[in-house]
Amino acid sequence: ENPYYSEVLKIMPKHGSVVQTPDGEGVVIYNDLLKKM
């Protein structure tokens, strides 16, 4: 299963990083790698 997760991790923001969302700025709490949420 590793090839899938390795590719998804490249596009996911790091945990704890500051990001911009449609609802404003925030901090990443969790990444759902399967759903890409």
ModelCIF file with pLDDT and N, C-alpha, C, O atoms, coordinates in Angstrom:
data_MODEL
#
_entry.id   MODEL 
#
_entity.id                         1 
_entity.type                       polymer 
_entity.pdbx_number_of_molecules   1 
#
_entity_poly.entity_id                      1 
_entity_poly.type                           'polypeptide(L)' 
_entity_poly.nstd_linkage                   no 
_entity_poly.nstd_monomer                   no 
_entity_poly.pdbx_seq_one_letter_code       ENPYYSEVLKIMPKHGSVVQTPDGEGVVIYNDLLKKM 
_entity_poly.pdbx_seq_one_letter_code_can   ENPYYSEVLKIMPKHGSVVQTPDGEGVVIYNDLLKKM 
_entity_poly.pdbx_strand_id                 A 
#
loop_
_entity_poly_seq.entity_id 
_entity_poly_seq.num 
_entity_poly_seq.mon_id 
_entity_poly_seq.hetero 
1 1  GLU n 
1 2  ASN n 
1 3  PRO n 
1 4  TYR n 
1 5  TYR n 
1 6  SER n 
1 7  GLU n 
1 8  VAL n 
1 9  LEU n 
1 10 LYS n 
1 11 ILE n 
1 12 MET n 
1 13 PRO n 
1 14 LYS n 
1 15 HIS n 
1 16 GLY n 
1 17 SER n 
1 18 VAL n 
1 19 VAL n 
1 20 GLN n 
1 21 THR n 
1 22 PRO n 
1 23 ASP n 
1 24 GLY n 
1 25 GLU n 
1 26 GLY n 
1 27 VAL n 
1 28 VAL n 
1 29 ILE n 
1 30 TYR n 
1 31 ASN n 
1 32 ASP n 
1 33 LEU n 
1 34 LEU n 
1 35 LYS n 
1 36 LYS n 
1 37 MET n 
#
_struct_asym.id          A 
_struct_asym.entity_id   1 
#
loop_
_ma_qa_metric.id 
_ma_qa_metric.mode 
_ma_qa_metric.name 
_ma_qa_metric.software_group_id 
_ma_qa_metric.type 
1 global pLDDT . pLDDT 
2 local  pLDDT . pLDDT 
#
_ma_qa_metric_global.metric_id      1 
_ma_qa_metric_global.metric_value   88.84 
_ma_qa_metric_global.model_id       1 
_ma_qa_metric_global.ordinal_id     1 
#
loop_
_ma_qa_metric_local.label_asym_id 
_ma_qa_metric_local.label_comp_id 
_ma_qa_metric_local.label_seq_id 
_ma_qa_metric_local.metric_id 
_ma_qa_metric_local.metric_value 
_ma_qa_metric_local.model_id 
_ma_qa_metric_local.ordinal_id 
A GLU 1  2 85.00 1 1  
A ASN 2  2 88.00 1 2  
A PRO 3  2 90.00 1 3  
A TYR 4  2 90.00 1 4  
A TYR 5  2 91.00 1 5  
A SER 6  2 90.00 1 6  
A GLU 7  2 91.00 1 7  
A VAL 8  2 90.00 1 8  
A LEU 9  2 90.00 1 9  
A LYS 10 2 90.00 1 10 
A ILE 11 2 89.00 1 11 
A MET 12 2 90.00 1 12 
A PRO 13 2 91.00 1 13 
A LYS 14 2 88.00 1 14 
A HIS 15 2 86.00 1 15 
A GLY 16 2 87.00 1 16 
A SER 17 2 89.00 1 17 
A VAL 18 2 90.00 1 18 
A VAL 19 2 88.00 1 19 
A GLN 20 2 89.00 1 20 
A THR 21 2 87.00 1 21 
A PRO 22 2 87.00 1 22 
A ASP 23 2 84.00 1 23 
A GLY 24 2 84.00 1 24 
A GLU 25 2 86.00 1 25 
A GLY 26 2 87.00 1 26 
A VAL 27 2 89.00 1 27 
A VAL 28 2 90.00 1 28 
A ILE 29 2 89.00 1 29 
A TYR 30 2 90.00 1 30 
A ASN 31 2 91.00 1 31 
A ASP 32 2 90.00 1 32 
A LEU 33 2 90.00 1 33 
A LEU 34 2 89.00 1 34 
A LYS 35 2 90.00 1 35 
A LYS 36 2 91.00 1 36 
A MET 37 2 91.00 1 37 
#
loop_
_atom_site.group_PDB 
_atom_site.id 
_atom_site.type_symbol 
_atom_site.label_atom_id 
_atom_site.label_alt_id 
_atom_site.label_comp_id 
_atom_site.label_asym_id 
_atom_site.label_entity_id 
_atom_site.label_seq_id 
_atom_site.pdbx_PDB_ins_code 
_atom_site.Cartn_x 
_atom_site.Cartn_y 
_atom_site.Cartn_z 
_atom_site.occupancy 
_atom_site.B_iso_or_equiv 
_atom_site.pdbx_formal_charge 
_atom_site.auth_seq_id 
_atom_site.auth_comp_id 
_atom_site.auth_asym_id 
_atom_site.auth_atom_id 
_atom_site.pdbx_PDB_model_num 
ATOM 1   N N  . GLU A 1 1  ? 0.802   -1.219 0.000  1.00 85.00 ? 1  GLU A N  1 
ATOM 2   C CA . GLU A 1 1  ? 0.000   0.000  0.000  1.00 85.00 ? 1  GLU A CA 1 
ATOM 3   C C  . GLU A 1 1  ? 0.839   1.275  0.000  1.00 85.00 ? 1  GLU A C  1 
ATOM 4   O O  . GLU A 1 1  ? 0.311   2.365  -0.221 1.00 85.00 ? 1  GLU A O  1 
ATOM 5   N N  . ASN A 1 2  ? 2.131   1.145  0.244  1.00 88.00 ? 2  ASN A N  1 
ATOM 6   C CA . ASN A 1 2  ? 2.977   2.323  0.425  1.00 88.00 ? 2  ASN A CA 1 
ATOM 7   C C  . ASN A 1 2  ? 3.029   3.276  -0.780 1.00 88.00 ? 2  ASN A C  1 
ATOM 8   O O  . ASN A 1 2  ? 3.038   4.490  -0.578 1.00 88.00 ? 2  ASN A O  1 
ATOM 9   N N  . PRO A 1 3  ? 3.064   2.773  -2.025 1.00 90.00 ? 3  PRO A N  1 
ATOM 10  C CA . PRO A 1 3  ? 3.132   3.713  -3.160 1.00 90.00 ? 3  PRO A CA 1 
ATOM 11  C C  . PRO A 1 3  ? 1.991   4.732  -3.164 1.00 90.00 ? 3  PRO A C  1 
ATOM 12  O O  . PRO A 1 3  ? 2.208   5.903  -3.476 1.00 90.00 ? 3  PRO A O  1 
ATOM 13  N N  . TYR A 1 4  ? 0.776   4.294  -2.819 1.00 90.00 ? 4  TYR A N  1 
ATOM 14  C CA . TYR A 1 4  ? -0.352  5.226  -2.779 1.00 90.00 ? 4  TYR A CA 1 
ATOM 15  C C  . TYR A 1 4  ? -0.130  6.303  -1.722 1.00 90.00 ? 4  TYR A C  1 
ATOM 16  O O  . TYR A 1 4  ? -0.272  7.492  -2.004 1.00 90.00 ? 4  TYR A O  1 
ATOM 17  N N  . TYR A 1 5  ? 0.220   5.884  -0.499 1.00 91.00 ? 5  TYR A N  1 
ATOM 18  C CA . TYR A 1 5  ? 0.394   6.839  0.590  1.00 91.00 ? 5  TYR A CA 1 
ATOM 19  C C  . TYR A 1 5  ? 1.559   7.790  0.317  1.00 91.00 ? 5  TYR A C  1 
ATOM 20  O O  . TYR A 1 5  ? 1.491   8.969  0.662  1.00 91.00 ? 5  TYR A O  1 
ATOM 21  N N  . SER A 1 6  ? 2.617   7.285  -0.296 1.00 90.00 ? 6  SER A N  1 
ATOM 22  C CA . SER A 1 6  ? 3.771   8.142  -0.598 1.00 90.00 ? 6  SER A CA 1 
ATOM 23  C C  . SER A 1 6  ? 3.390   9.257  -1.558 1.00 90.00 ? 6  SER A C  1 
ATOM 24  O O  . SER A 1 6  ? 3.849   10.391 -1.415 1.00 90.00 ? 6  SER A O  1 
ATOM 25  N N  . GLU A 1 7  ? 2.544   8.934  -2.542 1.00 91.00 ? 7  GLU A N  1 
ATOM 26  C CA . GLU A 1 7  ? 2.113   9.948  -3.505 1.00 91.00 ? 7  GLU A CA 1 
ATOM 27  C C  . GLU A 1 7  ? 1.162   10.959 -2.862 1.00 91.00 ? 7  GLU A C  1 
ATOM 28  O O  . GLU A 1 7  ? 1.276   12.159 -3.110 1.00 91.00 ? 7  GLU A O  1 
ATOM 29  N N  . VAL A 1 8  ? 0.228   10.483 -2.041 1.00 90.00 ? 8  VAL A N  1 
ATOM 30  C CA . VAL A 1 8  ? -0.742  11.376 -1.405 1.00 90.00 ? 8  VAL A CA 1 
ATOM 31  C C  . VAL A 1 8  ? -0.042  12.337 -0.445 1.00 90.00 ? 8  VAL A C  1 
ATOM 32  O O  . VAL A 1 8  ? -0.417  13.506 -0.350 1.00 90.00 ? 8  VAL A O  1 
ATOM 33  N N  . LEU A 1 9  ? 0.974   11.846 0.267  1.00 90.00 ? 9  LEU A N  1 
ATOM 34  C CA . LEU A 1 9  ? 1.686   12.705 1.222  1.00 90.00 ? 9  LEU A CA 1 
ATOM 35  C C  . LEU A 1 9  ? 2.332   13.920 0.547  1.00 90.00 ? 9  LEU A C  1 
ATOM 36  O O  . LEU A 1 9  ? 2.537   14.956 1.179  1.00 90.00 ? 9  LEU A O  1 
ATOM 37  N N  . LYS A 1 10 ? 2.646   13.779 -0.734 1.00 90.00 ? 10 LYS A N  1 
ATOM 38  C CA . LYS A 1 10 ? 3.290   14.877 -1.458 1.00 90.00 ? 10 LYS A CA 1 
ATOM 39  C C  . LYS A 1 10 ? 2.349   16.072 -1.629 1.00 90.00 ? 10 LYS A C  1 
ATOM 40  O O  . LYS A 1 10 ? 2.802   17.209 -1.759 1.00 90.00 ? 10 LYS A O  1 
ATOM 41  N N  . ILE A 1 11 ? 1.036   15.811 -1.629 1.00 89.00 ? 11 ILE A N  1 
ATOM 42  C CA . ILE A 1 11 ? 0.088   16.903 -1.871 1.00 89.00 ? 11 ILE A CA 1 
ATOM 43  C C  . ILE A 1 11 ? -0.624  17.362 -0.595 1.00 89.00 ? 11 ILE A C  1 
ATOM 44  O O  . ILE A 1 11 ? -1.340  18.364 -0.607 1.00 89.00 ? 11 ILE A O  1 
ATOM 45  N N  . MET A 1 12 ? -0.424  16.628 0.502  1.00 90.00 ? 12 MET A N  1 
ATOM 46  C CA . MET A 1 12 ? -1.093  16.992 1.755  1.00 90.00 ? 12 MET A CA 1 
ATOM 47  C C  . MET A 1 12 ? -0.235  17.978 2.551  1.00 90.00 ? 12 MET A C  1 
ATOM 48  O O  . MET A 1 12 ? 0.988   17.840 2.584  1.00 90.00 ? 12 MET A O  1 
ATOM 49  N N  . PRO A 1 13 ? -0.868  18.980 3.198  1.00 91.00 ? 13 PRO A N  1 
ATOM 50  C CA . PRO A 1 13 ? -0.098  19.916 4.038  1.00 91.00 ? 13 PRO A CA 1 
ATOM 51  C C  . PRO A 1 13 ? 0.384   19.217 5.305  1.00 91.00 ? 13 PRO A C  1 
ATOM 52  O O  . PRO A 1 13 ? -0.224  18.252 5.765  1.00 91.00 ? 13 PRO A O  1 
ATOM 53  N N  . LYS A 1 14 ? 1.472   19.712 5.855  1.00 88.00 ? 14 LYS A N  1 
ATOM 54  C CA . LYS A 1 14 ? 2.032   19.097 7.060  1.00 88.00 ? 14 LYS A CA 1 
ATOM 55  C C  . LYS A 1 14 ? 1.167   19.397 8.279  1.00 88.00 ? 14 LYS A C  1 
ATOM 56  O O  . LYS A 1 14 ? 0.545   20.454 8.382  1.00 88.00 ? 14 LYS A O  1 
ATOM 57  N N  . HIS A 1 15 ? 1.147   18.443 9.191  1.00 86.00 ? 15 HIS A N  1 
ATOM 58  C CA . HIS A 1 15 ? 0.405   18.623 10.447 1.00 86.00 ? 15 HIS A CA 1 
ATOM 59  C C  . HIS A 1 15 ? 1.001   19.807 11.218 1.00 86.00 ? 15 HIS A C  1 
ATOM 60  O O  . HIS A 1 15 ? 2.215   19.895 11.402 1.00 86.00 ? 15 HIS A O  1 
ATOM 61  N N  . GLY A 1 16 ? 0.123   20.719 11.665 1.00 87.00 ? 16 GLY A N  1 
ATOM 62  C CA . GLY A 1 16 ? 0.579   21.892 12.409 1.00 87.00 ? 16 GLY A CA 1 
ATOM 63  C C  . GLY A 1 16 ? 0.925   23.082 11.543 1.00 87.00 ? 16 GLY A C  1 
ATOM 64  O O  . GLY A 1 16 ? 1.237   24.154 12.060 1.00 87.00 ? 16 GLY A O  1 
ATOM 65  N N  . SER A 1 17 ? 0.874   22.909 10.217 1.00 89.00 ? 17 SER A N  1 
ATOM 66  C CA . SER A 1 17 ? 1.215   24.030 9.338  1.00 89.00 ? 17 SER A CA 1 
ATOM 67  C C  . SER A 1 17 ? 0.033   24.985 9.194  1.00 89.00 ? 17 SER A C  1 
ATOM 68  O O  . SER A 1 17 ? -1.124  24.590 9.341  1.00 89.00 ? 17 SER A O  1 
ATOM 69  N N  . VAL A 1 18 ? 0.345   26.243 8.906  1.00 90.00 ? 18 VAL A N  1 
ATOM 70  C CA . VAL A 1 18 ? -0.679  27.264 8.703  1.00 90.00 ? 18 VAL A CA 1 
ATOM 71  C C  . VAL A 1 18 ? -1.108  27.240 7.237  1.00 90.00 ? 18 VAL A C  1 
ATOM 72  O O  . VAL A 1 18 ? -0.272  27.287 6.335  1.00 90.00 ? 18 VAL A O  1 
ATOM 73  N N  . VAL A 1 19 ? -2.424  27.165 7.011  1.00 88.00 ? 19 VAL A N  1 
ATOM 74  C CA . VAL A 1 19 ? -2.937  27.083 5.642  1.00 88.00 ? 19 VAL A CA 1 
ATOM 75  C C  . VAL A 1 19 ? -4.081  28.064 5.451  1.00 88.00 ? 19 VAL A C  1 
ATOM 76  O O  . VAL A 1 19 ? -4.653  28.584 6.409  1.00 88.00 ? 19 VAL A O  1 
ATOM 77  N N  . GLN A 1 20 ? -4.400  28.303 4.179  1.00 89.00 ? 20 GLN A N  1 
ATOM 78  C CA . GLN A 1 20 ? -5.519  29.162 3.827  1.00 89.00 ? 20 GLN A CA 1 
ATOM 79  C C  . GLN A 1 20 ? -6.657  28.279 3.319  1.00 89.00 ? 20 GLN A C  1 
ATOM 80  O O  . GLN A 1 20 ? -6.448  27.443 2.440  1.00 89.00 ? 20 GLN A O  1 
ATOM 81  N N  . THR A 1 21 ? -7.866  28.461 3.871  1.00 87.00 ? 21 THR A N  1 
ATOM 82  C CA . THR A 1 21 ? -9.030  27.677 3.478  1.00 87.00 ? 21 THR A CA 1 
ATOM 83  C C  . THR A 1 21 ? -10.115 28.620 2.949  1.00 87.00 ? 21 THR A C  1 
ATOM 84  O O  . THR A 1 21 ? -9.987  29.836 3.089  1.00 87.00 ? 21 THR A O  1 
ATOM 85  N N  . PRO A 1 22 ? -11.166 28.090 2.355  1.00 87.00 ? 22 PRO A N  1 
ATOM 86  C CA . PRO A 1 22 ? -12.288 28.956 1.925  1.00 87.00 ? 22 PRO A CA 1 
ATOM 87  C C  . PRO A 1 22 ? -12.912 29.720 3.076  1.00 87.00 ? 22 PRO A C  1 
ATOM 88  O O  . PRO A 1 22 ? -13.559 30.743 2.851  1.00 87.00 ? 22 PRO A O  1 
ATOM 89  N N  . ASP A 1 23 ? -12.735 29.244 4.324  1.00 84.00 ? 23 ASP A N  1 
ATOM 90  C CA . ASP A 1 23 ? -13.308 29.907 5.502  1.00 84.00 ? 23 ASP A CA 1 
ATOM 91  C C  . ASP A 1 23 ? -12.282 30.735 6.272  1.00 84.00 ? 23 ASP A C  1 
ATOM 92  O O  . ASP A 1 23 ? -12.556 31.194 7.381  1.00 84.00 ? 23 ASP A O  1 
ATOM 93  N N  . GLY A 1 24 ? -11.105 30.924 5.686  1.00 84.00 ? 24 GLY A N  1 
ATOM 94  C CA . GLY A 1 24 ? -10.078 31.718 6.348  1.00 84.00 ? 24 GLY A CA 1 
ATOM 95  C C  . GLY A 1 24 ? -8.843  30.911 6.706  1.00 84.00 ? 24 GLY A C  1 
ATOM 96  O O  . GLY A 1 24 ? -8.720  29.733 6.373  1.00 84.00 ? 24 GLY A O  1 
ATOM 97  N N  . GLU A 1 25 ? -7.926  31.592 7.402  1.00 86.00 ? 25 GLU A N  1 
ATOM 98  C CA . GLU A 1 25 ? -6.656  30.967 7.764  1.00 86.00 ? 25 GLU A CA 1 
ATOM 99  C C  . GLU A 1 25 ? -6.837  30.034 8.957  1.00 86.00 ? 25 GLU A C  1 
ATOM 100 O O  . GLU A 1 25 ? -7.662  30.282 9.836  1.00 86.00 ? 25 GLU A O  1 
ATOM 101 N N  . GLY A 1 26 ? -6.042  28.944 8.971  1.00 87.00 ? 26 GLY A N  1 
ATOM 102 C CA . GLY A 1 26 ? -6.138  28.002 10.080 1.00 87.00 ? 26 GLY A CA 1 
ATOM 103 C C  . GLY A 1 26 ? -4.923  27.113 10.172 1.00 87.00 ? 26 GLY A C  1 
ATOM 104 O O  . GLY A 1 26 ? -3.977  27.233 9.393  1.00 87.00 ? 26 GLY A O  1 
ATOM 105 N N  . VAL A 1 27 ? -4.969  26.208 11.150 1.00 89.00 ? 27 VAL A N  1 
ATOM 106 C CA . VAL A 1 27 ? -3.850  25.293 11.402 1.00 89.00 ? 27 VAL A CA 1 
ATOM 107 C C  . VAL A 1 27 ? -4.305  23.860 11.125 1.00 89.00 ? 27 VAL A C  1 
ATOM 108 O O  . VAL A 1 27 ? -5.390  23.456 11.541 1.00 89.00 ? 27 VAL A O  1 
ATOM 109 N N  . VAL A 1 28 ? -3.476  23.104 10.426 1.00 90.00 ? 28 VAL A N  1 
ATOM 110 C CA . VAL A 1 28 ? -3.799  21.714 10.084 1.00 90.00 ? 28 VAL A CA 1 
ATOM 111 C C  . VAL A 1 28 ? -3.762  20.849 11.344 1.00 90.00 ? 28 VAL A C  1 
ATOM 112 O O  . VAL A 1 28 ? -2.755  20.806 12.051 1.00 90.00 ? 28 VAL A O  1 
ATOM 113 N N  . ILE A 1 29 ? -4.863  20.168 11.611 1.00 89.00 ? 29 ILE A N  1 
ATOM 114 C CA . ILE A 1 29 ? -4.975  19.301 12.786 1.00 89.00 ? 29 ILE A CA 1 
ATOM 115 C C  . ILE A 1 29 ? -4.810  17.836 12.414 1.00 89.00 ? 29 ILE A C  1 
ATOM 116 O O  . ILE A 1 29 ? -4.214  17.056 13.157 1.00 89.00 ? 29 ILE A O  1 
ATOM 117 N N  . TYR A 1 30 ? -5.354  17.467 11.238 1.00 90.00 ? 30 TYR A N  1 
ATOM 118 C CA . TYR A 1 30 ? -5.339  16.045 10.855 1.00 90.00 ? 30 TYR A CA 1 
ATOM 119 C C  . TYR A 1 30 ? -5.483  15.915 9.338  1.00 90.00 ? 30 TYR A C  1 
ATOM 120 O O  . TYR A 1 30 ? -6.189  16.699 8.704  1.00 90.00 ? 30 TYR A O  1 
ATOM 121 N N  . ASN A 1 31 ? -4.805  14.915 8.765  1.00 91.00 ? 31 ASN A N  1 
ATOM 122 C CA . ASN A 1 31 ? -4.931  14.592 7.343  1.00 91.00 ? 31 ASN A CA 1 
ATOM 123 C C  . ASN A 1 31 ? -5.556  13.215 7.186  1.00 91.00 ? 31 ASN A C  1 
ATOM 124 O O  . ASN A 1 31 ? -5.042  12.240 7.733  1.00 91.00 ? 31 ASN A O  1 
ATOM 125 N N  . ASP A 1 32 ? -6.650  13.119 6.453  1.00 90.00 ? 32 ASP A N  1 
ATOM 126 C CA . ASP A 1 32 ? -7.240  11.829 6.102  1.00 90.00 ? 32 ASP A CA 1 
ATOM 127 C C  . ASP A 1 32 ? -6.691  11.449 4.733  1.00 90.00 ? 32 ASP A C  1 
ATOM 128 O O  . ASP A 1 32 ? -7.156  11.943 3.706  1.00 90.00 ? 32 ASP A O  1 
ATOM 129 N N  . LEU A 1 33 ? -5.688  10.559 4.731  1.00 90.00 ? 33 LEU A N  1 
ATOM 130 C CA . LEU A 1 33 ? -4.980  10.252 3.492  1.00 90.00 ? 33 LEU A CA 1 
ATOM 131 C C  . LEU A 1 33 ? -5.840  9.481  2.502  1.00 90.00 ? 33 LEU A C  1 
ATOM 132 O O  . LEU A 1 33 ? -5.676  9.640  1.292  1.00 90.00 ? 33 LEU A O  1 
ATOM 133 N N  . LEU A 1 34 ? -6.744  8.659  2.987  1.00 89.00 ? 34 LEU A N  1 
ATOM 134 C CA . LEU A 1 34 ? -7.588  7.886  2.077  1.00 89.00 ? 34 LEU A CA 1 
ATOM 135 C C  . LEU A 1 34 ? -8.612  8.777  1.365  1.00 89.00 ? 34 LEU A C  1 
ATOM 136 O O  . LEU A 1 34 ? -8.815  8.656  0.157  1.00 89.00 ? 34 LEU A O  1 
ATOM 137 N N  . LYS A 1 35 ? -9.249  9.665  2.117  1.00 90.00 ? 35 LYS A N  1 
ATOM 138 C CA . LYS A 1 35 ? -10.269 10.547 1.534  1.00 90.00 ? 35 LYS A CA 1 
ATOM 139 C C  . LYS A 1 35 ? -9.663  11.820 0.951  1.00 90.00 ? 35 LYS A C  1 
ATOM 140 O O  . LYS A 1 35 ? -10.344 12.574 0.255  1.00 90.00 ? 35 LYS A O  1 
ATOM 141 N N  . LYS A 1 36 ? -8.377  12.061 1.237  1.00 91.00 ? 36 LYS A N  1 
ATOM 142 C CA . LYS A 1 36 ? -7.683  13.277 0.811  1.00 91.00 ? 36 LYS A CA 1 
ATOM 143 C C  . LYS A 1 36 ? -8.399  14.522 1.369  1.00 91.00 ? 36 LYS A C  1 
ATOM 144 O O  . LYS A 1 36 ? -8.610  15.508 0.663  1.00 91.00 ? 36 LYS A O  1 
ATOM 145 N N  . MET A 1 37 ? -8.760  14.441 2.646  1.00 91.00 ? 37 MET A N  1 
ATOM 146 C CA . MET A 1 37 ? -9.422  15.533 3.350  1.00 91.00 ? 37 MET A CA 1 
ATOM 147 C C  . MET A 1 37 ? -8.490  16.062 4.450  1.00 91.00 ? 37 MET A C  1 
ATOM 148 O O  . MET A 1 37 ? -8.852  16.992 5.172  1.00 91.00 ? 37 MET A O  1 
#
